[in-house]
Structures are given as C-alpha cells and as structure tokens.
Amino acid sequence: MKKFLLVFSLFFLALSFVSGLIQKIFYPQYIDAQGVLHETLLTPIAAFSFVLSIIGFLLWLMLLLFQLIRRWIK
C-alpha cells in the first residue's frame, strides 16, 4: 500500500510539472481587452495533479509514521 501511494504521488507530481511546463512553453496565458483571462485546460490539470500528489505524500508519511510507532511500541 505504501509503495502504491509513493508511486501515485510521484506520478501526479510529474504530471503537474509536465502539464505546467507545456502550458508555459506552448500556450501562454493572456488577458484580453475585456479583462478575461485566457488559459488552456492544462493549468487546472497541473494544479489538481499537484494537490493529489501532496495528499498522497502526506498519506504515505502518515503510514510510515504509524509503522515506526508500531515498531517502537513492540
């Protein structure tokens, strides 16, 4: 379970980095004359992937901490 959470977190961290990089290089964000922000779908994907990776890392750290506490108690 812990290995899956770590791989899950690393995958979504890489996905957020790649989608953010693609957004920055190929699709610049801009505000038009009416004040509307134009951006692609890659920005929300990057943000959502980053949040998922942080949640996965936190769960992985909690499981690791519980395992260390269990070993310390025995």
C-alpha atoms as a PDB file:
ATOM      1  CA  MET A   1       0.000   0.000   0.000  1.00  0.00           C
ATOM      2  CA  LYS A   2       2.798   2.400   0.895  1.00  0.00           C
ATOM      3  CA  LYS A   3       4.645   1.728  -2.347  1.00  0.00           C
ATOM      4  CA  PHE A   4       1.467   2.380  -4.336  1.00  0.00           C
ATOM      5  CA  LEU A   5       0.931   5.715  -2.554  1.00  0.00           C
ATOM      6  CA  LEU A   6       4.501   6.762  -3.248  1.00  0.00           C
ATOM      7  CA  VAL A   7       4.252   5.847  -6.953  1.00  0.00           C
ATOM      8  CA  PHE A   8       0.842   7.560  -7.135  1.00  0.00           C
ATOM      9  CA  SER A   9       2.271  10.734  -5.622  1.00  0.00           C
ATOM     10  CA  LEU A  10       5.339  10.780  -7.840  1.00  0.00           C
ATOM     11  CA  PHE A  11       3.215  10.193 -10.952  1.00  0.00           C
ATOM     12  CA  PHE A  12       0.908  13.102 -10.200  1.00  0.00           C
ATOM     13  CA  LEU A  13       3.820  15.333  -9.243  1.00  0.00           C
ATOM     14  CA  ALA A  14       5.452  14.574 -12.606  1.00  0.00           C
ATOM     15  CA  LEU A  15       2.125  15.128 -14.393  1.00  0.00           C
ATOM     16  CA  SER A  16       1.696  18.517 -12.751  1.00  0.00           C
ATOM     17  CA  PHE A  17       5.245  19.529 -13.654  1.00  0.00           C
ATOM     18  CA  VAL A  18       4.908  18.410 -17.295  1.00  0.00           C
ATOM     19  CA  SER A  19       1.487  19.973 -17.850  1.00  0.00           C
ATOM     20  CA  GLY A  20       2.616  23.227 -16.242  1.00  0.00           C
ATOM     21  CA  LEU A  21       5.741  23.266 -18.394  1.00  0.00           C
ATOM     22  CA  ILE A  22       3.752  22.590 -21.583  1.00  0.00           C
ATOM     23  CA  GLN A  23       1.322  25.362 -20.628  1.00  0.00           C
ATOM     24  CA  LYS A  24       4.165  27.799 -20.036  1.00  0.00           C
ATOM     25  CA  ILE A  25       6.044  26.987 -23.266  1.00  0.00           C
ATOM     26  CA  PHE A  26       3.337  26.411 -25.878  1.00  0.00           C
ATOM     27  CA  TYR A  27       0.183  28.138 -24.622  1.00  0.00           C
ATOM     28  CA  PRO A  28       0.817  31.495 -22.981  1.00  0.00           C
ATOM     29  CA  GLN A  29      -1.860  32.944 -20.726  1.00  0.00           C
ATOM     30  CA  TYR A  30      -3.088  36.406 -21.500  1.00  0.00           C
ATOM     31  CA  ILE A  31      -5.793  38.863 -20.540  1.00  0.00           C
ATOM     32  CA  ASP A  32      -7.759  40.303 -23.449  1.00  0.00           C
ATOM     33  CA  ALA A  33      -9.091  43.846 -23.806  1.00  0.00           C
ATOM     34  CA  GLN A  34     -12.260  42.974 -21.870  1.00  0.00           C
ATOM     35  CA  GLY A  35     -10.274  41.706 -18.887  1.00  0.00           C
ATOM     36  CA  VAL A  36     -10.919  37.991 -19.455  1.00  0.00           C
ATOM     37  CA  LEU A  37      -8.102  35.570 -18.625  1.00  0.00           C
ATOM     38  CA  HIS A  38      -7.436  33.048 -21.401  1.00  0.00           C
ATOM     39  CA  GLU A  39      -5.741  29.808 -20.420  1.00  0.00           C
ATOM     40  CA  THR A  40      -5.864  26.191 -21.514  1.00  0.00           C
ATOM     41  CA  LEU A  41      -7.098  23.174 -19.607  1.00  0.00           C
ATOM     42  CA  LEU A  42      -3.505  22.352 -18.680  1.00  0.00           C
ATOM     43  CA  THR A  43      -3.427  24.874 -15.823  1.00  0.00           C
ATOM     44  CA  PRO A  44      -6.240  23.248 -13.794  1.00  0.00           C
ATOM     45  CA  ILE A  45      -4.799  19.806 -14.584  1.00  0.00           C
ATOM     46  CA  ALA A  46      -1.425  20.909 -13.212  1.00  0.00           C
ATOM     47  CA  ALA A  47      -2.977  22.361 -10.058  1.00  0.00           C
ATOM     48  CA  PHE A  48      -5.218  19.338  -9.427  1.00  0.00           C
ATOM     49  CA  SER A  49      -2.334  16.924 -10.021  1.00  0.00           C
ATOM     50  CA  PHE A  50      -0.137  18.860  -7.615  1.00  0.00           C
ATOM     51  CA  VAL A  51      -2.811  18.747  -4.906  1.00  0.00           C
ATOM     52  CA  LEU A  52      -3.268  14.986  -5.428  1.00  0.00           C
ATOM     53  CA  SER A  53       0.468  14.422  -5.172  1.00  0.00           C
ATOM     54  CA  ILE A  54       0.672  16.394  -1.908  1.00  0.00           C
ATOM     55  CA  ILE A  55      -2.245  14.419  -0.442  1.00  0.00           C
ATOM     56  CA  GLY A  56      -0.589  11.158  -1.497  1.00  0.00           C
ATOM     57  CA  PHE A  57       2.728  12.172   0.065  1.00  0.00           C
ATOM     58  CA  LEU A  58       1.002  13.127   3.312  1.00  0.00           C
ATOM     59  CA  LEU A  59      -0.828   9.788   3.464  1.00  0.00           C
ATOM     60  CA  TRP A  60       2.430   7.966   2.731  1.00  0.00           C
ATOM     61  CA  LEU A  61       4.190   9.849   5.527  1.00  0.00           C
ATOM     62  CA  MET A  62       1.348   9.080   7.944  1.00  0.00           C
ATOM     63  CA  LEU A  63       1.540   5.358   7.161  1.00  0.00           C
ATOM     64  CA  LEU A  64       5.309   5.426   7.581  1.00  0.00           C
ATOM     65  CA  LEU A  65       4.962   7.214  10.904  1.00  0.00           C
ATOM     66  CA  PHE A  66       2.356   4.709  12.141  1.00  0.00           C
ATOM     67  CA  GLN A  67       4.641   1.846  11.146  1.00  0.00           C
ATOM     68  CA  LEU A  68       7.573   3.394  13.028  1.00  0.00           C
ATOM     69  CA  ILE A  69       5.423   3.968  16.112  1.00  0.00           C
ATOM     70  CA  ARG A  70       4.213   0.354  15.996  1.00  0.00           C
ATOM     71  CA  ARG A  71       7.804  -0.892  15.842  1.00  0.00           C
ATOM     72  CA  TRP A  72       8.825   1.407  18.690  1.00  0.00           C
ATOM     73  CA  ILE A  73       5.977   0.196  20.928  1.00  0.00           C
ATOM     74  CA  LYS A  74       6.844  -3.515  20.454  1.00  0.00           C
END
